[in-house]
């Protein structure tokens, strides 16, 4: 798995995105990151390891505290990849806006079909005999 795949895999989880949102406000120790979640410390540690391996955060030890902070490089790589497609989406959305804002020609009402007779159904008729019964009548097992 390359770095970009690891980045998007890490971003796919809502808990990890919430951790990144918290770290966007500034560095925090692991205990502060655990507080808003109803999950265990080891589970948060696994999320942090995934984020660190993806290059989205870095962890540093200060005595008994583990401090986490964002790393911009991982996010910049994802941003560059997404930005590559921005022009395509901008052009597509511009064309859609032009189409939606274009004046429309008045529509003429369609002529409604009249039913042929009240006894005929528009559905094709099908046999009510199961296929297995037809085979038995023809002498097949």
C-alpha atoms as a PDB file:
ATOM      1  CA  UNK A   1       0.000   0.000   0.000  1.00  0.00           C
ATOM      2  CA  UNK A   2       1.498   3.349  -0.988  1.00  0.00           C
ATOM      3  CA  UNK A   3       1.415   6.518   1.115  1.00  0.00           C
ATOM      4  CA  UNK A   4      -1.663   7.950  -0.590  1.00  0.00           C
ATOM      5  CA  UNK A   5      -3.593   4.701  -0.035  1.00  0.00           C
ATOM      6  CA  UNK A   6      -2.614   4.739   3.651  1.00  0.00           C
ATOM      7  CA  UNK A   7      -3.725   8.372   3.917  1.00  0.00           C
ATOM      8  CA  UNK A   8      -7.175   7.735   2.456  1.00  0.00           C
ATOM      9  CA  UNK A   9      -7.556   4.486   4.433  1.00  0.00           C
ATOM     10  CA  UNK A  10      -6.789   6.435   7.618  1.00  0.00           C
ATOM     11  CA  UNK A  11      -9.240   9.192   6.664  1.00  0.00           C
ATOM     12  CA  UNK A  12     -11.987   6.651   5.974  1.00  0.00           C
ATOM     13  CA  UNK A  13     -12.656   6.140   9.686  1.00  0.00           C
ATOM     14  CA  UNK A  14     -14.842   8.754  11.451  1.00  0.00           C
ATOM     15  CA  UNK A  15     -12.971   8.381  14.759  1.00  0.00           C
ATOM     16  CA  UNK A  16      -9.652   9.131  13.079  1.00  0.00           C
ATOM     17  CA  UNK A  17     -11.172  12.124  11.270  1.00  0.00           C
ATOM     18  CA  UNK A  18     -12.432  13.414  14.627  1.00  0.00           C
ATOM     19  CA  UNK A  19      -8.942  12.989  16.105  1.00  0.00           C
ATOM     20  CA  UNK A  20      -7.485  14.970  13.204  1.00  0.00           C
ATOM     21  CA  UNK A  21     -10.111  17.684  13.693  1.00  0.00           C
ATOM     22  CA  UNK A  22      -9.123  17.949  17.349  1.00  0.00           C
ATOM     23  CA  UNK A  23      -5.410  18.078  16.472  1.00  0.00           C
ATOM     24  CA  UNK A  24      -6.100  20.819  13.919  1.00  0.00           C
ATOM     25  CA  UNK A  25      -6.776  23.058  16.960  1.00  0.00           C
ATOM     26  CA  UNK A  26      -3.347  22.263  18.371  1.00  0.00           C
ATOM     27  CA  UNK A  27      -1.292  19.453  19.810  1.00  0.00           C
ATOM     28  CA  UNK A  28      -2.800  17.276  22.528  1.00  0.00           C
ATOM     29  CA  UNK A  29      -1.781  14.423  24.777  1.00  0.00           C
ATOM     30  CA  UNK A  30      -3.335  10.999  24.246  1.00  0.00           C
ATOM     31  CA  UNK A  31      -5.489  11.280  27.386  1.00  0.00           C
ATOM     32  CA  UNK A  32      -7.168  14.395  25.988  1.00  0.00           C
ATOM     33  CA  UNK A  33      -7.810  12.600  22.704  1.00  0.00           C
ATOM     34  CA  UNK A  34      -9.462   9.644  24.475  1.00  0.00           C
ATOM     35  CA  UNK A  35     -11.899  11.810  26.479  1.00  0.00           C
ATOM     36  CA  UNK A  36     -14.561  12.546  23.799  1.00  0.00           C
ATOM     37  CA  UNK A  37     -14.831   8.920  22.677  1.00  0.00           C
ATOM     38  CA  UNK A  38     -16.573   5.972  24.285  1.00  0.00           C
ATOM     39  CA  UNK A  39     -13.722   3.637  23.369  1.00  0.00           C
ATOM     40  CA  UNK A  40     -10.753   2.296  25.283  1.00  0.00           C
ATOM     41  CA  UNK A  41      -7.276   3.757  25.481  1.00  0.00           C
ATOM     42  CA  UNK A  42      -5.793   0.835  23.508  1.00  0.00           C
ATOM     43  CA  UNK A  43      -8.367   1.441  20.728  1.00  0.00           C
ATOM     44  CA  UNK A  44      -7.337   5.118  20.540  1.00  0.00           C
ATOM     45  CA  UNK A  45      -3.704   4.019  20.457  1.00  0.00           C
ATOM     46  CA  UNK A  46      -4.446   1.822  17.432  1.00  0.00           C
ATOM     47  CA  UNK A  47      -6.168   4.748  15.692  1.00  0.00           C
ATOM     48  CA  UNK A  48      -3.170   6.953  16.464  1.00  0.00           C
ATOM     49  CA  UNK A  49      -0.791   4.324  15.085  1.00  0.00           C
ATOM     50  CA  UNK A  50      -2.777   4.189  11.803  1.00  0.00           C
ATOM     51  CA  UNK A  51      -2.692   7.999  11.573  1.00  0.00           C
ATOM     52  CA  UNK A  52       1.035   8.043  12.306  1.00  0.00           C
ATOM     53  CA  UNK A  53       1.808   5.328   9.730  1.00  0.00           C
ATOM     54  CA  UNK A  54      -0.169   7.326   7.172  1.00  0.00           C
ATOM     55  CA  UNK A  55       2.022  10.344   7.915  1.00  0.00           C
ATOM     56  CA  UNK A  56      -0.910  12.419   9.182  1.00  0.00           C
ATOM     57  CA  UNK A  57       0.291  12.860  12.769  1.00  0.00           C
ATOM     58  CA  UNK A  58       3.453  12.570  14.789  1.00  0.00           C
ATOM     59  CA  UNK A  59       3.772  11.433  18.380  1.00  0.00           C
ATOM     60  CA  UNK A  60       6.394  12.531  20.837  1.00  0.00           C
ATOM     61  CA  UNK A  61       7.054  11.425  24.420  1.00  0.00           C
ATOM     62  CA  UNK A  62       7.485  14.035  27.180  1.00  0.00           C
ATOM     63  CA  UNK A  63       8.027  12.203  30.455  1.00  0.00           C
ATOM     64  CA  UNK A  64       4.821  10.189  30.957  1.00  0.00           C
ATOM     65  CA  UNK A  65       2.859  12.216  28.375  1.00  0.00           C
ATOM     66  CA  UNK A  66       2.472  11.212  24.726  1.00  0.00           C
ATOM     67  CA  UNK A  67       1.952  14.392  22.713  1.00  0.00           C
ATOM     68  CA  UNK A  68       0.313  14.200  19.274  1.00  0.00           C
ATOM     69  CA  UNK A  69       0.333  16.845  16.548  1.00  0.00           C
ATOM     70  CA  UNK A  70      -0.683  17.078  12.912  1.00  0.00           C
ATOM     71  CA  UNK A  71       1.832  16.586  10.139  1.00  0.00           C
ATOM     72  CA  UNK A  72       0.960  18.663   7.122  1.00  0.00           C
ATOM     73  CA  UNK A  73       2.884  16.554   4.605  1.00  0.00           C
ATOM     74  CA  UNK A  74       0.407  13.654   4.630  1.00  0.00           C
ATOM     75  CA  UNK A  75      -2.550  15.959   4.209  1.00  0.00           C
ATOM     76  CA  UNK A  76      -0.788  17.946   1.477  1.00  0.00           C
ATOM     77  CA  UNK A  77      -0.283  14.790  -0.591  1.00  0.00           C
ATOM     78  CA  UNK A  78      -4.008  13.975  -0.377  1.00  0.00           C
ATOM     79  CA  UNK A  79      -4.868  17.596  -1.182  1.00  0.00           C
ATOM     80  CA  UNK A  80      -2.642  17.545  -4.292  1.00  0.00           C
ATOM     81  CA  UNK A  81      -4.267  14.333  -5.480  1.00  0.00           C
ATOM     82  CA  UNK A  82      -7.779  15.740  -4.981  1.00  0.00           C
ATOM     83  CA  UNK A  83      -6.812  19.079  -6.504  1.00  0.00           C
ATOM     84  CA  UNK A  84      -5.835  17.274  -9.692  1.00  0.00           C
ATOM     85  CA  UNK A  85      -9.537  16.427 -10.181  1.00  0.00           C
ATOM     86  CA  UNK A  86     -10.868  19.811  -9.096  1.00  0.00           C
ATOM     87  CA  UNK A  87     -10.781  21.263 -12.614  1.00  0.00           C
ATOM     88  CA  UNK A  88     -12.818  18.321 -13.923  1.00  0.00           C
ATOM     89  CA  UNK A  89     -15.488  18.813 -11.259  1.00  0.00           C
ATOM     90  CA  UNK A  90     -15.502  22.595 -11.638  1.00  0.00           C
ATOM     91  CA  UNK A  91     -16.051  22.274 -15.387  1.00  0.00           C
ATOM     92  CA  UNK A  92     -18.754  19.631 -14.919  1.00  0.00           C
ATOM     93  CA  UNK A  93     -20.577  21.703 -12.319  1.00  0.00           C
ATOM     94  CA  UNK A  94     -20.318  24.828 -14.500  1.00  0.00           C
ATOM     95  CA  UNK A  95     -21.907  22.944 -17.418  1.00  0.00           C
ATOM     96  CA  UNK A  96     -24.650  21.663 -15.129  1.00  0.00           C
ATOM     97  CA  UNK A  97     -25.335  25.192 -13.841  1.00  0.00           C
ATOM     98  CA  UNK A  98     -25.539  26.505 -17.418  1.00  0.00           C
ATOM     99  CA  UNK A  99     -27.959  23.753 -18.328  1.00  0.00           C
ATOM    100  CA  UNK A 100     -30.157  24.402 -15.309  1.00  0.00           C
ATOM    101  CA  UNK A 101     -30.148  28.168 -15.816  1.00  0.00           C
ATOM    102  CA  UNK A 102     -30.884  28.008 -19.558  1.00  0.00           C
ATOM    103  CA  UNK A 103     -34.381  29.076 -20.546  1.00  0.00           C
ATOM    104  CA  UNK A 104     -36.623  26.155 -21.307  1.00  0.00           C
ATOM    105  CA  UNK A 105     -38.945  25.898 -24.275  1.00  0.00           C
ATOM    106  CA  UNK A 106     -42.609  25.467 -23.445  1.00  0.00           C
ATOM    107  CA  UNK A 107     -43.701  21.862 -23.681  1.00  0.00           C
ATOM    108  CA  UNK A 108     -46.724  20.789 -25.597  1.00  0.00           C
ATOM    109  CA  UNK A 109     -48.879  18.242 -23.809  1.00  0.00           C
ATOM    110  CA  UNK A 110     -48.653  14.714 -25.113  1.00  0.00           C
ATOM    111  CA  UNK A 111     -51.697  13.084 -26.520  1.00  0.00           C
ATOM    112  CA  UNK A 112     -52.989  10.503 -24.125  1.00  0.00           C
ATOM    113  CA  UNK A 113     -53.561   6.991 -25.310  1.00  0.00           C
ATOM    114  CA  UNK A 114     -57.027   5.630 -25.123  1.00  0.00           C
ATOM    115  CA  UNK A 115     -57.602   2.048 -24.161  1.00  0.00           C
ATOM    116  CA  UNK A 116     -58.645  -0.226 -27.015  1.00  0.00           C
ATOM    117  CA  UNK A 117     -61.453  -1.902 -25.187  1.00  0.00           C
ATOM    118  CA  UNK A 118     -62.348  -2.306 -21.589  1.00  0.00           C
ATOM    119  CA  UNK A 119     -61.936  -6.113 -21.760  1.00  0.00           C
ATOM    120  CA  UNK A 120     -58.316  -6.235 -22.921  1.00  0.00           C
ATOM    121  CA  UNK A 121     -55.441  -5.977 -20.543  1.00  0.00           C
ATOM    122  CA  UNK A 122     -52.170  -4.289 -21.442  1.00  0.00           C
ATOM    123  CA  UNK A 123     -50.242  -7.126 -19.788  1.00  0.00           C
ATOM    124  CA  UNK A 124     -49.161 -10.058 -21.929  1.00  0.00           C
ATOM    125  CA  UNK A 125     -50.916 -13.291 -21.096  1.00  0.00           C
ATOM    126  CA  UNK A 126     -48.833 -16.037 -19.618  1.00  0.00           C
ATOM    127  CA  UNK A 127     -49.529 -19.679 -19.102  1.00  0.00           C
ATOM    128  CA  UNK A 128     -50.573 -20.596 -15.586  1.00  0.00           C
ATOM    129  CA  UNK A 129     -49.173 -24.112 -15.942  1.00  0.00           C
ATOM    130  CA  UNK A 130     -45.758 -24.524 -14.291  1.00  0.00           C
ATOM    131  CA  UNK A 131     -42.942 -25.492 -16.703  1.00  0.00           C
ATOM    132  CA  UNK A 132     -42.373 -28.794 -14.882  1.00  0.00           C
ATOM    133  CA  UNK A 133     -45.967 -29.869 -15.640  1.00  0.00           C
ATOM    134  CA  UNK A 134     -45.448 -29.161 -19.356  1.00  0.00           C
ATOM    135  CA  UNK A 135     -42.405 -31.423 -19.411  1.00  0.00           C
ATOM    136  CA  UNK A 136     -44.306 -34.296 -17.791  1.00  0.00           C
ATOM    137  CA  UNK A 137     -47.093 -34.056 -20.335  1.00  0.00           C
ATOM    138  CA  UNK A 138     -44.603 -34.304 -23.161  1.00  0.00           C
ATOM    139  CA  UNK A 139     -43.166 -37.506 -21.736  1.00  0.00           C
ATOM    140  CA  UNK A 140     -40.038 -36.012 -20.201  1.00  0.00           C
ATOM    141  CA  UNK A 141     -38.908 -36.659 -16.615  1.00  0.00           C
END
